[in-house]
Amino acid sequence: MTSPDERSHPGREGAGPHPGEGALARLCGALSAWGRLVVEVGASGAAPSLEQVIGGLVEWMGNELMDGWLHLPIPVFETASGLAEELFQVSQAYLAAVRAAGGVLPDAERAVHEARIRGVLERVDGLEAGAAAEDRAQGLGAGETA
């Protein structure tokens, strides 16, 4: 397995010709990628690696996520930000369990933590899908705001 240090940080893709274009899709895609990475690394039972991933998530939240408020309606940004915070909290709980176990969690306990993370990610997907449907209903292109 590749360590988190050797991976590119999710969400650091270029903004394209117009920074606001596709902002929600980029934020949701990056948040989903962080969640998948937490699940993958957490399953290994390597607490230091999981700490690095969570640190990367926090860095992303402080940079790319915060930049999103410039390009999104405030309620949409607040929802995305809340989901990021929730992902951070469930990731911290997963890390605490891995530390307490001294490594790989028993399957049942690991499944509980992974289900919590996936629950957040389902809501992230729902946010993105709902915004895209609203844009279509309003006749807007992807990433445009009224």
Protein backbone atom coordinates (compact mmCIF):
# COMPACT_ATOMS: atom_id res chain seq x y z
CA MET A 1 0.00 0.00 0.00
CA THR A 2 1.20 3.49 -0.78
CA SER A 3 1.54 5.78 2.21
CA PRO A 4 -0.53 8.98 2.32
CA ASP A 5 2.69 10.98 1.86
CA GLU A 6 3.16 9.45 -1.58
CA ARG A 7 -0.35 10.30 -2.79
CA SER A 8 -1.56 13.52 -4.27
CA HIS A 9 -3.92 15.36 -1.95
CA PRO A 10 -7.54 14.91 -3.04
CA GLY A 11 -9.09 18.14 -4.23
CA ARG A 12 -5.98 19.84 -5.57
CA GLU A 13 -6.96 19.60 -9.20
CA GLY A 14 -6.73 22.80 -11.21
CA ALA A 15 -9.65 25.16 -11.09
CA GLY A 16 -9.92 25.43 -14.87
CA PRO A 17 -10.48 28.64 -16.82
CA HIS A 18 -13.07 29.98 -14.38
CA PRO A 19 -12.35 29.34 -10.69
CA GLY A 20 -16.05 29.22 -9.70
CA GLU A 21 -17.00 26.80 -12.45
CA GLY A 22 -17.75 23.40 -10.97
CA ALA A 23 -16.79 24.52 -7.45
CA LEU A 24 -19.36 22.34 -5.70
CA ALA A 25 -18.49 19.30 -7.82
CA ARG A 26 -14.79 19.77 -7.00
CA LEU A 27 -15.46 20.19 -3.28
CA CYS A 28 -17.78 17.20 -3.12
CA GLY A 29 -15.40 15.06 -5.19
CA ALA A 30 -12.48 15.96 -2.95
CA LEU A 31 -14.46 15.34 0.23
CA SER A 32 -15.49 11.93 -1.09
CA ALA A 33 -11.87 11.15 -1.95
CA TRP A 34 -10.76 12.07 1.56
CA GLY A 35 -13.44 9.82 3.04
CA ARG A 36 -12.44 6.89 0.84
CA LEU A 37 -8.81 7.43 1.84
CA VAL A 38 -9.72 7.40 5.55
CA VAL A 39 -11.56 4.10 5.06
CA GLU A 40 -8.68 2.57 3.11
CA VAL A 41 -5.94 3.65 5.50
CA GLY A 42 -8.01 3.00 8.63
CA ALA A 43 -8.55 -0.61 7.57
CA SER A 44 -4.77 -1.09 7.66
CA GLY A 45 -4.69 -0.31 11.39
CA ALA A 46 -1.73 2.04 10.96
CA ALA A 47 -2.53 4.91 13.33
CA PRO A 48 0.36 7.15 12.15
CA SER A 49 -0.78 6.84 8.54
CA LEU A 50 -4.37 7.55 9.50
CA GLU A 51 -3.17 10.62 11.43
CA GLN A 52 -1.45 11.85 8.26
CA VAL A 53 -4.62 11.40 6.23
CA ILE A 54 -6.71 13.26 8.81
CA GLY A 55 -4.07 16.01 8.87
CA GLY A 56 -4.39 16.27 5.09
CA LEU A 57 -8.17 16.52 5.43
CA VAL A 58 -7.76 19.37 7.95
CA GLU A 59 -5.34 21.16 5.61
CA TRP A 60 -7.81 20.74 2.74
CA MET A 61 -10.61 22.10 4.94
CA GLY A 62 -8.51 25.17 5.77
CA ASN A 63 -7.57 25.88 2.17
CA GLU A 64 -9.62 24.49 -0.70
CA LEU A 65 -12.87 24.13 1.25
CA MET A 66 -12.63 27.67 2.64
CA ASP A 67 -12.02 28.99 -0.88
CA GLY A 68 -15.38 27.46 -1.84
CA TRP A 69 -17.35 30.13 -0.02
CA LEU A 70 -16.32 32.58 -2.73
CA HIS A 71 -18.04 30.53 -5.42
CA LEU A 72 -21.07 28.98 -3.73
CA PRO A 73 -24.30 30.26 -2.27
CA ILE A 74 -23.82 30.59 1.50
CA PRO A 75 -26.35 27.85 2.44
CA VAL A 76 -24.68 25.38 0.05
CA PHE A 77 -21.24 26.24 1.39
CA GLU A 78 -22.46 25.88 4.99
CA THR A 79 -23.83 22.44 4.18
CA ALA A 80 -20.58 21.36 2.50
CA SER A 81 -18.55 22.76 5.38
CA GLY A 82 -20.75 20.95 7.90
CA LEU A 83 -20.29 17.66 6.06
CA ALA A 84 -16.51 18.21 6.03
CA GLU A 85 -16.58 18.81 9.78
CA GLU A 86 -18.67 15.70 10.29
CA LEU A 87 -16.22 13.65 8.20
CA PHE A 88 -13.41 15.00 10.36
CA GLN A 89 -15.25 14.01 13.56
CA VAL A 90 -16.03 10.45 12.45
CA SER A 91 -12.46 10.09 11.17
CA GLN A 92 -11.13 11.19 14.57
CA ALA A 93 -13.36 8.58 16.26
CA TYR A 94 -12.02 5.93 13.86
CA LEU A 95 -8.45 6.96 14.71
CA ALA A 96 -9.19 6.79 18.44
CA ALA A 97 -10.53 3.26 18.03
CA VAL A 98 -7.49 2.19 15.98
CA ARG A 99 -5.19 3.60 18.67
CA ALA A 100 -7.14 1.89 21.46
CA ALA A 101 -6.99 -1.43 19.61
CA GLY A 102 -3.28 -1.03 18.95
CA GLY A 103 -3.79 -1.69 15.25
CA VAL A 104 -6.35 -3.34 13.00
CA LEU A 105 -9.86 -3.26 14.42
CA PRO A 106 -12.03 -6.36 14.59
CA ASP A 107 -14.23 -6.58 11.50
CA ALA A 108 -17.45 -5.66 13.29
CA GLU A 109 -15.98 -2.56 14.93
CA ARG A 110 -14.26 -1.47 11.73
CA ALA A 111 -17.57 -1.88 9.85
CA VAL A 112 -19.29 0.51 12.28
CA HIS A 113 -16.70 3.25 11.68
CA GLU A 114 -16.69 2.70 7.94
CA ALA A 115 -20.50 2.86 7.85
CA ARG A 116 -20.40 6.23 9.62
CA ILE A 117 -17.92 7.56 7.08
CA ARG A 118 -19.94 6.19 4.17
CA GLY A 119 -23.06 7.79 5.64
CA VAL A 120 -21.39 11.19 5.47
CA LEU A 121 -20.21 10.49 1.93
CA GLU A 122 -23.74 9.55 0.84
CA ARG A 123 -24.91 12.94 2.06
CA VAL A 124 -22.03 14.59 0.17
CA ASP A 125 -23.19 12.82 -2.99
CA GLY A 126 -26.75 13.94 -2.26
CA LEU A 127 -25.65 17.56 -1.88
CA GLU A 128 -23.91 17.50 -5.22
CA ALA A 129 -26.79 15.70 -6.97
CA GLY A 130 -29.38 18.04 -5.45
CA ALA A 131 -27.47 21.14 -6.52
CA ALA A 132 -27.04 19.78 -10.04
CA ALA A 133 -30.77 19.02 -10.29
CA GLU A 134 -31.61 22.51 -9.03
CA ASP A 135 -29.25 24.05 -11.61
CA ARG A 136 -30.93 22.04 -14.38
CA ALA A 137 -34.37 23.12 -13.18
CA GLN A 138 -33.25 26.75 -13.25
CA GLY A 139 -31.64 26.33 -16.67
CA LEU A 140 -28.11 27.00 -15.36
CA GLY A 141 -24.98 25.25 -16.53
CA ALA A 142 -22.78 23.23 -14.21
CA GLY A 143 -21.29 25.43 -11.52
CA GLU A 144 -23.15 28.61 -12.50
CA THR A 145 -25.06 30.47 -9.86
CA ALA A 146 -28.09 32.68 -10.31
